[in-house]
N, C-alpha and C. Protein backbone atom coordinates (compact mmCIF):
# COMPACT_ATOMS: atom_id res chain seq x y z
N MET A 1 194.62 166.45 98.97
CA MET A 1 193.70 167.15 99.84
C MET A 1 194.51 168.11 100.70
N PRO A 2 194.09 169.35 100.77
CA PRO A 2 194.85 170.33 101.56
C PRO A 2 194.88 169.93 103.05
N THR A 3 195.95 170.35 103.70
CA THR A 3 196.16 169.99 105.10
C THR A 3 195.06 170.54 106.01
N LYS A 4 194.61 171.77 105.77
CA LYS A 4 193.56 172.37 106.60
C LYS A 4 192.27 171.55 106.50
N ARG A 5 191.99 171.08 105.31
CA ARG A 5 190.76 170.31 105.10
C ARG A 5 190.85 168.97 105.83
N ARG A 6 192.02 168.33 105.76
CA ARG A 6 192.22 167.06 106.47
C ARG A 6 192.08 167.24 107.98
N LEU A 7 192.68 168.31 108.47
CA LEU A 7 192.59 168.59 109.91
C LEU A 7 191.14 168.85 110.32
N LEU A 8 190.40 169.56 109.52
CA LEU A 8 189.00 169.85 109.81
C LEU A 8 188.18 168.55 109.83
N LEU A 9 188.39 167.69 108.84
CA LEU A 9 187.68 166.41 108.80
C LEU A 9 188.06 165.54 110.00
N LEU A 10 189.32 165.52 110.36
CA LEU A 10 189.78 164.76 111.50
C LEU A 10 189.16 165.30 112.80
N PHE A 11 189.11 166.63 112.92
CA PHE A 11 188.50 167.28 114.08
C PHE A 11 187.02 166.90 114.18
N ILE A 12 186.29 166.97 113.08
CA ILE A 12 184.86 166.62 113.06
C ILE A 12 184.68 165.15 113.43
N PHE A 13 185.53 164.29 112.91
CA PHE A 13 185.46 162.86 113.22
C PHE A 13 185.61 162.61 114.72
N PHE A 14 186.61 163.26 115.35
CA PHE A 14 186.82 163.08 116.78
C PHE A 14 185.69 163.69 117.60
N CYS A 15 185.17 164.82 117.17
CA CYS A 15 184.05 165.45 117.89
C CYS A 15 182.81 164.55 117.85
N LEU A 16 182.52 164.00 116.68
CA LEU A 16 181.36 163.11 116.57
C LEU A 16 181.55 161.86 117.42
N GLY A 17 182.76 161.35 117.48
CA GLY A 17 183.04 160.20 118.33
C GLY A 17 182.85 160.52 119.80
N ALA A 18 183.29 161.70 120.22
CA ALA A 18 183.13 162.12 121.61
C ALA A 18 181.65 162.30 121.94
N ILE A 19 180.91 162.89 121.04
CA ILE A 19 179.47 163.07 121.25
C ILE A 19 178.78 161.72 121.35
N ALA A 20 179.14 160.80 120.49
CA ALA A 20 178.53 159.47 120.50
C ALA A 20 178.82 158.73 121.81
N ARG A 21 180.02 158.92 122.37
CA ARG A 21 180.37 158.24 123.61
C ARG A 21 179.68 158.87 124.81
N THR A 22 179.47 160.19 124.81
CA THR A 22 178.92 160.86 125.98
C THR A 22 177.40 160.93 125.98
N SER A 23 176.79 160.87 124.83
CA SER A 23 175.32 160.96 124.82
C SER A 23 174.73 159.57 124.94
N SER A 24 173.78 159.46 125.83
CA SER A 24 173.09 158.18 125.97
C SER A 24 171.65 158.41 125.57
N ALA A 25 171.18 157.63 124.66
CA ALA A 25 169.81 157.78 124.20
C ALA A 25 168.87 157.35 125.31
N ALA A 26 167.86 158.19 125.57
CA ALA A 26 166.86 157.85 126.59
C ALA A 26 166.03 156.68 126.08
N PRO A 27 165.67 155.79 126.97
CA PRO A 27 164.85 154.65 126.53
C PRO A 27 163.47 155.12 126.10
N ALA A 28 162.83 154.33 125.30
CA ALA A 28 161.49 154.66 124.86
C ALA A 28 160.55 154.63 126.06
N ILE A 29 159.58 155.53 126.06
CA ILE A 29 158.62 155.59 127.16
C ILE A 29 157.65 154.42 127.01
N ASP A 30 157.41 153.74 128.11
CA ASP A 30 156.52 152.58 128.12
C ASP A 30 155.12 153.03 128.50
N PHE A 31 154.20 153.02 127.54
CA PHE A 31 152.82 153.42 127.79
C PHE A 31 151.91 152.21 128.01
N SER A 32 152.48 151.04 128.24
CA SER A 32 151.66 149.84 128.35
C SER A 32 150.76 149.84 129.57
N CYS A 33 151.08 150.68 130.57
CA CYS A 33 150.23 150.70 131.75
C CYS A 33 149.36 151.96 131.80
N ALA A 34 149.25 152.67 130.69
CA ALA A 34 148.40 153.86 130.64
C ALA A 34 146.98 153.48 130.26
N GLY A 35 146.07 154.37 130.56
CA GLY A 35 144.68 154.15 130.17
C GLY A 35 143.83 153.54 131.27
N TYR A 36 142.62 153.20 130.92
CA TYR A 36 141.67 152.65 131.89
C TYR A 36 142.22 151.38 132.51
N ALA A 37 142.11 151.26 133.82
CA ALA A 37 142.56 150.11 134.60
C ALA A 37 144.07 149.90 134.50
N GLY A 38 144.80 150.84 133.94
CA GLY A 38 146.24 150.75 133.88
C GLY A 38 146.78 149.70 132.95
N ASN A 39 145.95 149.19 132.04
CA ASN A 39 146.46 148.13 131.16
C ASN A 39 145.91 148.24 129.75
N GLY A 40 145.35 149.40 129.39
CA GLY A 40 144.85 149.59 128.03
C GLY A 40 143.50 148.95 127.78
N SER A 41 142.82 148.51 128.83
CA SER A 41 141.49 147.91 128.66
C SER A 41 140.51 148.95 128.13
N ILE A 42 139.51 148.49 127.45
CA ILE A 42 138.46 149.38 126.98
C ILE A 42 137.56 149.71 128.17
N PRO A 43 137.34 151.00 128.44
CA PRO A 43 136.50 151.36 129.58
C PRO A 43 135.07 150.87 129.39
N PRO A 44 134.40 150.56 130.49
CA PRO A 44 133.01 150.12 130.36
C PRO A 44 132.12 151.27 129.92
N THR A 45 131.03 150.95 129.27
CA THR A 45 130.06 151.98 128.88
C THR A 45 129.06 152.11 130.03
N ILE A 46 129.13 153.22 130.72
CA ILE A 46 128.26 153.47 131.86
C ILE A 46 127.04 154.23 131.37
N PRO A 47 125.84 153.75 131.70
CA PRO A 47 124.63 154.44 131.24
C PRO A 47 124.55 155.87 131.78
N ALA A 48 124.09 156.76 130.94
CA ALA A 48 123.93 158.16 131.34
C ALA A 48 122.68 158.31 132.20
N ILE A 49 122.80 159.05 133.29
CA ILE A 49 121.63 159.33 134.12
C ILE A 49 121.19 160.78 133.97
N PHE A 50 122.05 161.60 133.38
CA PHE A 50 121.71 162.99 133.07
C PHE A 50 122.27 163.35 131.71
N LEU A 51 121.53 164.16 130.98
CA LEU A 51 122.02 164.77 129.75
C LEU A 51 122.05 166.26 129.99
N VAL A 52 123.20 166.87 129.83
CA VAL A 52 123.35 168.30 130.10
C VAL A 52 123.67 169.00 128.78
N ARG A 53 122.96 170.10 128.55
CA ARG A 53 123.18 170.91 127.34
C ARG A 53 123.82 172.24 127.74
N PRO A 54 124.71 172.77 126.91
CA PRO A 54 125.33 174.06 127.25
C PRO A 54 124.31 175.19 127.17
N THR A 55 124.50 176.18 128.06
CA THR A 55 123.57 177.31 128.10
C THR A 55 124.02 178.47 127.22
N GLY A 56 125.29 178.50 126.89
CA GLY A 56 125.83 179.66 126.17
C GLY A 56 126.43 180.67 127.12
N ASP A 57 126.09 180.57 128.40
CA ASP A 57 126.67 181.41 129.44
C ASP A 57 127.61 180.56 130.29
N ASP A 58 127.79 180.93 131.55
CA ASP A 58 128.64 180.16 132.45
C ASP A 58 127.91 178.89 132.88
N ASP A 59 128.48 177.75 132.60
CA ASP A 59 127.87 176.45 132.90
C ASP A 59 128.44 175.79 134.14
N THR A 60 129.25 176.50 134.91
CA THR A 60 129.91 175.91 136.08
C THR A 60 128.89 175.32 137.05
N ALA A 61 127.92 176.10 137.48
CA ALA A 61 126.94 175.64 138.48
C ALA A 61 126.10 174.49 137.93
N LEU A 62 125.73 174.56 136.66
CA LEU A 62 124.92 173.51 136.04
C LEU A 62 125.68 172.18 136.03
N LEU A 63 126.92 172.20 135.61
CA LEU A 63 127.72 170.97 135.56
C LEU A 63 128.00 170.43 136.96
N GLN A 64 128.32 171.32 137.89
CA GLN A 64 128.60 170.88 139.26
C GLN A 64 127.36 170.25 139.88
N ALA A 65 126.19 170.85 139.65
CA ALA A 65 124.95 170.30 140.19
C ALA A 65 124.68 168.90 139.62
N ALA A 66 124.94 168.71 138.34
CA ALA A 66 124.72 167.40 137.71
C ALA A 66 125.68 166.36 138.28
N LEU A 67 126.95 166.74 138.49
CA LEU A 67 127.93 165.81 139.07
C LEU A 67 127.56 165.45 140.51
N ASP A 68 127.16 166.45 141.28
CA ASP A 68 126.77 166.20 142.68
C ASP A 68 125.52 165.33 142.76
N ARG A 69 124.55 165.59 141.91
CA ARG A 69 123.31 164.80 141.92
C ARG A 69 123.59 163.36 141.48
N ALA A 70 124.44 163.17 140.49
CA ALA A 70 124.77 161.82 140.03
C ALA A 70 125.40 161.00 141.16
N ALA A 71 126.16 161.66 142.03
CA ALA A 71 126.81 160.96 143.14
C ALA A 71 125.81 160.46 144.17
N THR A 72 124.58 160.99 144.15
CA THR A 72 123.57 160.55 145.12
C THR A 72 122.78 159.34 144.63
N PHE A 73 122.93 158.97 143.38
CA PHE A 73 122.25 157.78 142.85
C PHE A 73 122.87 156.54 143.47
N PRO A 74 122.08 155.46 143.61
CA PRO A 74 122.65 154.24 144.20
C PRO A 74 123.77 153.67 143.33
N VAL A 75 124.73 153.05 143.97
CA VAL A 75 125.83 152.41 143.26
C VAL A 75 125.30 151.13 142.62
N ARG A 76 125.55 150.99 141.34
CA ARG A 76 125.11 149.81 140.60
C ARG A 76 126.05 148.64 140.87
N PRO A 77 125.67 147.44 140.45
CA PRO A 77 126.54 146.27 140.68
C PRO A 77 127.94 146.42 140.07
N ASP A 78 128.08 147.25 139.02
CA ASP A 78 129.40 147.43 138.41
C ASP A 78 130.25 148.47 139.14
N GLY A 79 129.71 149.04 140.24
CA GLY A 79 130.48 149.99 141.04
C GLY A 79 130.30 151.44 140.64
N PHE A 80 129.44 151.73 139.68
CA PHE A 80 129.24 153.10 139.22
C PHE A 80 127.86 153.62 139.61
N HIS A 81 127.80 154.93 139.88
CA HIS A 81 126.51 155.59 140.09
C HIS A 81 125.85 155.81 138.73
N GLY A 82 126.64 156.28 137.78
CA GLY A 82 126.14 156.58 136.44
C GLY A 82 126.99 157.66 135.80
N ALA A 83 126.60 158.03 134.59
CA ALA A 83 127.36 159.03 133.83
C ALA A 83 126.56 160.30 133.64
N VAL A 84 127.26 161.41 133.65
CA VAL A 84 126.70 162.70 133.26
C VAL A 84 127.16 162.90 131.82
N LEU A 85 126.21 162.88 130.91
CA LEU A 85 126.52 162.99 129.48
C LEU A 85 126.38 164.45 129.05
N LEU A 86 127.44 164.99 128.48
CA LEU A 86 127.42 166.36 127.97
C LEU A 86 127.10 166.31 126.48
N SER A 87 126.06 167.04 126.09
CA SER A 87 125.69 167.05 124.67
C SER A 87 126.74 167.82 123.88
N ALA A 88 126.62 167.77 122.58
CA ALA A 88 127.57 168.49 121.72
C ALA A 88 127.44 169.98 121.98
N GLY A 89 128.55 170.65 121.93
CA GLY A 89 128.57 172.09 122.15
C GLY A 89 129.72 172.48 123.04
N THR A 90 129.74 173.76 123.41
CA THR A 90 130.81 174.32 124.23
C THR A 90 130.26 174.70 125.59
N PHE A 91 130.85 174.13 126.63
CA PHE A 91 130.48 174.43 128.00
C PHE A 91 131.52 175.40 128.56
N ASN A 92 131.07 176.56 129.04
CA ASN A 92 131.97 177.56 129.61
C ASN A 92 132.01 177.38 131.12
N VAL A 93 133.22 177.25 131.67
CA VAL A 93 133.39 177.05 133.10
C VAL A 93 134.29 178.16 133.63
N SER A 94 133.70 179.04 134.45
CA SER A 94 134.48 180.14 135.01
C SER A 94 135.14 179.76 136.32
N GLY A 95 134.68 178.70 136.93
CA GLY A 95 135.23 178.26 138.21
C GLY A 95 135.95 176.94 138.08
N GLN A 96 135.58 176.03 138.96
CA GLN A 96 136.21 174.71 138.99
C GLN A 96 135.13 173.66 139.21
N LEU A 97 135.27 172.53 138.53
CA LEU A 97 134.37 171.40 138.75
C LEU A 97 135.09 170.44 139.69
N VAL A 98 134.35 169.93 140.69
CA VAL A 98 134.94 169.05 141.68
C VAL A 98 134.20 167.72 141.66
N MET A 99 134.93 166.66 141.41
CA MET A 99 134.38 165.31 141.43
C MET A 99 135.02 164.58 142.61
N GLN A 100 134.26 164.46 143.71
CA GLN A 100 134.82 163.88 144.92
C GLN A 100 134.30 162.49 145.22
N ASP A 101 133.43 161.97 144.40
CA ASP A 101 132.86 160.66 144.67
C ASP A 101 133.23 159.68 143.57
N SER A 102 133.60 158.48 143.96
CA SER A 102 133.90 157.43 142.99
C SER A 102 132.62 157.01 142.30
N GLY A 103 132.75 156.51 141.09
CA GLY A 103 131.60 155.94 140.40
C GLY A 103 130.79 156.93 139.59
N VAL A 104 131.27 158.15 139.43
CA VAL A 104 130.59 159.15 138.60
C VAL A 104 131.47 159.40 137.39
N VAL A 105 130.86 159.32 136.22
CA VAL A 105 131.59 159.50 134.96
C VAL A 105 131.11 160.79 134.30
N LEU A 106 132.02 161.61 133.84
CA LEU A 106 131.71 162.81 133.07
C LEU A 106 132.12 162.51 131.64
N ARG A 107 131.15 162.48 130.73
CA ARG A 107 131.43 162.03 129.36
C ARG A 107 130.82 162.99 128.34
N GLY A 108 131.55 163.23 127.28
CA GLY A 108 131.05 164.03 126.16
C GLY A 108 130.46 163.12 125.09
N THR A 109 130.06 163.72 124.00
CA THR A 109 129.46 162.95 122.91
C THR A 109 130.48 162.07 122.23
N ALA A 110 130.00 161.03 121.59
CA ALA A 110 130.89 160.06 120.95
C ALA A 110 131.62 160.65 119.75
N ASP A 111 131.10 161.70 119.16
CA ASP A 111 131.73 162.28 117.97
C ASP A 111 132.72 163.39 118.31
N PHE A 112 133.11 163.50 119.57
CA PHE A 112 134.06 164.51 120.03
C PHE A 112 133.55 165.92 119.80
N GLY A 113 132.24 166.09 119.85
CA GLY A 113 131.65 167.41 119.62
C GLY A 113 131.46 168.20 120.90
N THR A 114 131.97 167.71 122.01
CA THR A 114 131.81 168.38 123.30
C THR A 114 133.12 169.03 123.70
N THR A 115 133.04 170.29 124.13
CA THR A 115 134.23 171.02 124.57
C THR A 115 133.91 171.72 125.88
N ILE A 116 134.82 171.62 126.84
CA ILE A 116 134.73 172.38 128.08
C ILE A 116 135.82 173.44 128.02
N VAL A 117 135.42 174.71 128.14
CA VAL A 117 136.36 175.82 128.04
C VAL A 117 136.50 176.48 129.41
N ALA A 118 137.73 176.61 129.88
CA ALA A 118 138.00 177.34 131.11
C ALA A 118 138.01 178.82 130.78
N THR A 119 136.98 179.53 131.22
CA THR A 119 136.90 180.97 130.93
C THR A 119 137.54 181.75 132.06
N GLY A 120 137.80 182.99 131.84
CA GLY A 120 138.43 183.83 132.85
C GLY A 120 139.93 183.83 132.68
N HIS A 121 140.60 184.47 133.64
CA HIS A 121 142.05 184.63 133.54
C HIS A 121 142.82 183.90 134.62
N ALA A 122 142.13 183.41 135.64
CA ALA A 122 142.83 182.77 136.75
C ALA A 122 143.34 181.39 136.36
N ARG A 123 144.55 181.08 136.81
CA ARG A 123 145.09 179.73 136.62
C ARG A 123 144.48 178.85 137.69
N ARG A 124 144.03 177.66 137.29
CA ARG A 124 143.39 176.77 138.24
C ARG A 124 143.31 175.38 137.65
N THR A 125 143.00 174.43 138.50
CA THR A 125 142.69 173.09 138.03
C THR A 125 141.24 173.14 137.59
N LEU A 126 140.97 172.81 136.36
CA LEU A 126 139.61 172.93 135.84
C LEU A 126 138.70 171.86 136.43
N ILE A 127 139.14 170.62 136.46
CA ILE A 127 138.35 169.53 137.04
C ILE A 127 139.20 168.86 138.11
N GLU A 128 138.82 169.04 139.34
CA GLU A 128 139.53 168.45 140.48
C GLU A 128 138.88 167.11 140.77
N ILE A 129 139.67 166.06 140.70
CA ILE A 129 139.16 164.71 140.97
C ILE A 129 139.89 164.19 142.19
N GLY A 130 139.14 163.83 143.21
CA GLY A 130 139.79 163.34 144.41
C GLY A 130 138.79 162.94 145.46
N SER A 131 139.29 162.66 146.60
CA SER A 131 138.49 162.18 147.71
C SER A 131 137.98 163.35 148.54
N ARG A 132 136.89 163.13 149.25
CA ARG A 132 136.39 164.14 150.18
C ARG A 132 137.33 164.25 151.39
N ASP A 133 138.11 163.21 151.64
CA ASP A 133 139.05 163.22 152.75
C ASP A 133 140.35 163.88 152.30
N ALA A 134 141.01 164.51 153.24
CA ALA A 134 142.31 165.11 152.93
C ALA A 134 143.30 164.00 152.58
N PRO A 135 144.16 164.23 151.61
CA PRO A 135 145.13 163.19 151.25
C PRO A 135 146.12 162.95 152.39
N ALA A 136 146.47 161.70 152.57
CA ALA A 136 147.48 161.35 153.58
C ALA A 136 148.83 161.78 153.05
N THR A 137 149.68 162.21 153.93
CA THR A 137 151.03 162.61 153.51
C THR A 137 152.05 161.64 154.07
N GLN A 138 153.14 161.54 153.40
CA GLN A 138 154.24 160.68 153.80
C GLN A 138 155.47 161.55 153.99
N PRO A 139 156.43 161.08 154.79
CA PRO A 139 157.66 161.86 154.90
C PRO A 139 158.35 161.95 153.54
N SER A 140 158.98 163.07 153.31
CA SER A 140 159.65 163.25 152.03
C SER A 140 160.91 162.40 151.96
N ALA A 141 161.32 162.10 150.75
CA ALA A 141 162.55 161.35 150.53
C ALA A 141 163.43 162.18 149.60
N PRO A 142 164.73 162.27 149.90
CA PRO A 142 165.60 163.08 149.05
C PRO A 142 165.76 162.46 147.65
N ILE A 143 165.79 163.32 146.66
CA ILE A 143 166.03 162.89 145.29
C ILE A 143 167.52 162.97 145.04
N VAL A 144 168.09 161.90 144.50
CA VAL A 144 169.54 161.84 144.35
C VAL A 144 170.02 162.00 142.91
N ASP A 145 169.13 161.87 141.93
CA ASP A 145 169.54 162.01 140.54
C ASP A 145 169.19 163.40 140.04
N GLU A 146 170.08 163.96 139.25
CA GLU A 146 169.85 165.27 138.65
C GLU A 146 168.66 165.22 137.69
N THR A 147 168.63 164.19 136.86
CA THR A 147 167.54 164.00 135.91
C THR A 147 167.16 162.53 135.89
N VAL A 148 165.94 162.28 135.53
CA VAL A 148 165.46 160.91 135.39
C VAL A 148 164.89 160.78 133.99
N ALA A 149 165.48 159.92 133.19
CA ALA A 149 165.05 159.75 131.81
C ALA A 149 163.67 159.10 131.77
N PRO A 150 162.84 159.45 130.79
CA PRO A 150 161.54 158.81 130.66
C PRO A 150 161.71 157.31 130.47
N GLY A 151 160.88 156.55 131.14
CA GLY A 151 160.92 155.10 131.00
C GLY A 151 162.09 154.44 131.71
N CYS A 152 162.82 155.21 132.57
CA CYS A 152 163.98 154.62 133.22
C CYS A 152 163.55 153.54 134.20
N GLY A 153 164.43 152.61 134.45
CA GLY A 153 164.11 151.48 135.30
C GLY A 153 164.52 151.66 136.74
N HIS A 154 164.96 152.85 137.13
CA HIS A 154 165.36 153.04 138.51
C HIS A 154 164.63 154.23 139.11
N SER A 155 164.64 154.31 140.41
CA SER A 155 163.98 155.39 141.11
C SER A 155 164.98 156.48 141.45
N PRO A 156 164.58 157.75 141.36
CA PRO A 156 165.49 158.83 141.70
C PRO A 156 165.59 159.07 143.21
N TRP A 157 164.77 158.36 144.02
CA TRP A 157 164.77 158.60 145.46
C TRP A 157 165.84 157.78 146.15
N LYS A 158 166.45 158.38 147.17
CA LYS A 158 167.50 157.71 147.92
C LYS A 158 166.94 156.50 148.67
N THR A 159 165.77 156.65 149.23
CA THR A 159 165.16 155.56 149.99
C THR A 159 164.04 154.94 149.17
N ALA A 160 164.34 154.59 147.95
CA ALA A 160 163.31 154.15 147.01
C ALA A 160 162.54 152.94 147.51
N ALA A 161 163.21 151.95 148.05
CA ALA A 161 162.53 150.73 148.47
C ALA A 161 161.52 151.03 149.57
N ILE A 162 161.94 151.80 150.56
CA ILE A 162 161.03 152.16 151.65
C ILE A 162 159.93 153.07 151.12
N PHE A 163 160.33 154.06 150.34
CA PHE A 163 159.39 155.04 149.81
C PHE A 163 158.30 154.37 148.98
N MET A 164 158.68 153.49 148.07
CA MET A 164 157.71 152.87 147.18
C MET A 164 156.82 151.88 147.92
N ARG A 165 157.32 151.27 148.98
CA ARG A 165 156.52 150.34 149.75
C ARG A 165 155.44 151.07 150.54
N GLU A 166 155.75 152.25 151.07
CA GLU A 166 154.84 152.94 151.96
C GLU A 166 153.83 153.81 151.23
N ILE A 167 154.16 154.28 150.07
CA ILE A 167 153.28 155.24 149.42
C ILE A 167 152.29 154.54 148.50
N ARG A 168 151.12 155.01 148.44
CA ARG A 168 150.09 154.49 147.55
C ARG A 168 149.58 155.64 146.71
N LEU A 169 149.09 155.33 145.53
CA LEU A 169 148.60 156.38 144.63
C LEU A 169 147.53 157.22 145.31
N SER A 170 146.65 156.60 146.07
CA SER A 170 145.56 157.34 146.70
C SER A 170 146.06 158.30 147.75
N SER A 171 147.26 158.12 148.24
CA SER A 171 147.76 159.00 149.29
C SER A 171 148.65 160.11 148.75
N LEU A 172 148.82 160.17 147.46
CA LEU A 172 149.72 161.18 146.90
C LEU A 172 149.09 162.56 146.83
N GLY A 173 147.76 162.63 146.84
CA GLY A 173 147.11 163.92 146.68
C GLY A 173 147.08 164.30 145.22
N PRO A 174 146.54 165.46 144.92
CA PRO A 174 146.38 165.85 143.52
C PRO A 174 147.71 166.17 142.85
N ALA A 175 147.83 165.77 141.61
CA ALA A 175 148.99 166.15 140.81
C ALA A 175 148.59 167.40 140.04
N ARG A 176 149.41 168.39 140.06
CA ARG A 176 149.04 169.66 139.42
C ARG A 176 150.09 170.08 138.41
N ARG A 177 149.61 170.67 137.35
CA ARG A 177 150.48 171.34 136.39
C ARG A 177 149.76 172.61 136.02
N ASN A 178 150.19 173.70 136.60
CA ASN A 178 149.52 174.96 136.31
C ASN A 178 149.92 175.46 134.93
N GLY A 179 149.04 176.22 134.34
CA GLY A 179 149.30 176.78 133.01
C GLY A 179 150.41 177.83 133.07
N SER A 180 150.77 178.28 131.92
CA SER A 180 151.83 179.28 131.81
C SER A 180 151.36 180.62 132.35
N PRO A 181 152.23 181.35 133.05
CA PRO A 181 151.85 182.69 133.54
C PRO A 181 151.51 183.63 132.38
N ILE A 182 151.96 183.33 131.19
CA ILE A 182 151.66 184.16 130.02
C ILE A 182 150.17 184.17 129.74
N TRP A 183 149.48 183.08 130.13
CA TRP A 183 148.05 182.96 129.84
C TRP A 183 147.20 183.82 130.75
N GLU A 184 147.76 184.37 131.82
CA GLU A 184 146.97 185.15 132.76
C GLU A 184 146.61 186.50 132.17
């Protein structure tokens, strides 16, 4: 075997060894607490109190009115007001839908024939779900890790124990991920 070829193979061998030592595989993401009730339970079937059909035009006001009206129905023993059922078709929303009351369900057809389309060019949260009260804020905590691998078992916050004890999901406020500026 020629010397150059041996040196090349030896170089590749050492490079692969160095890569193997420095790269740490990220742990698998744990989805066991995702979904309804945070444990993969099957969501309850809430009876529909309204059936809404798409108009073919802007359906923002129609959908918002149905959500607001559903919130005025009495709370049932299961804790829900009821569901707003969207029939099959495409609902065009030029604005934003706001769901501020607990116990209201927005549901499409069982055959996945319902689509809500955000029309227009503005970036926005299409369906804002939250409380009528302003979210409580907590003091910020410095982040000490450059990156946090998915499914990692540690917190990136310096004061993680204090931070995690004081903060509650309901006090975090809305989580946002705006669309790409290219879409504007």
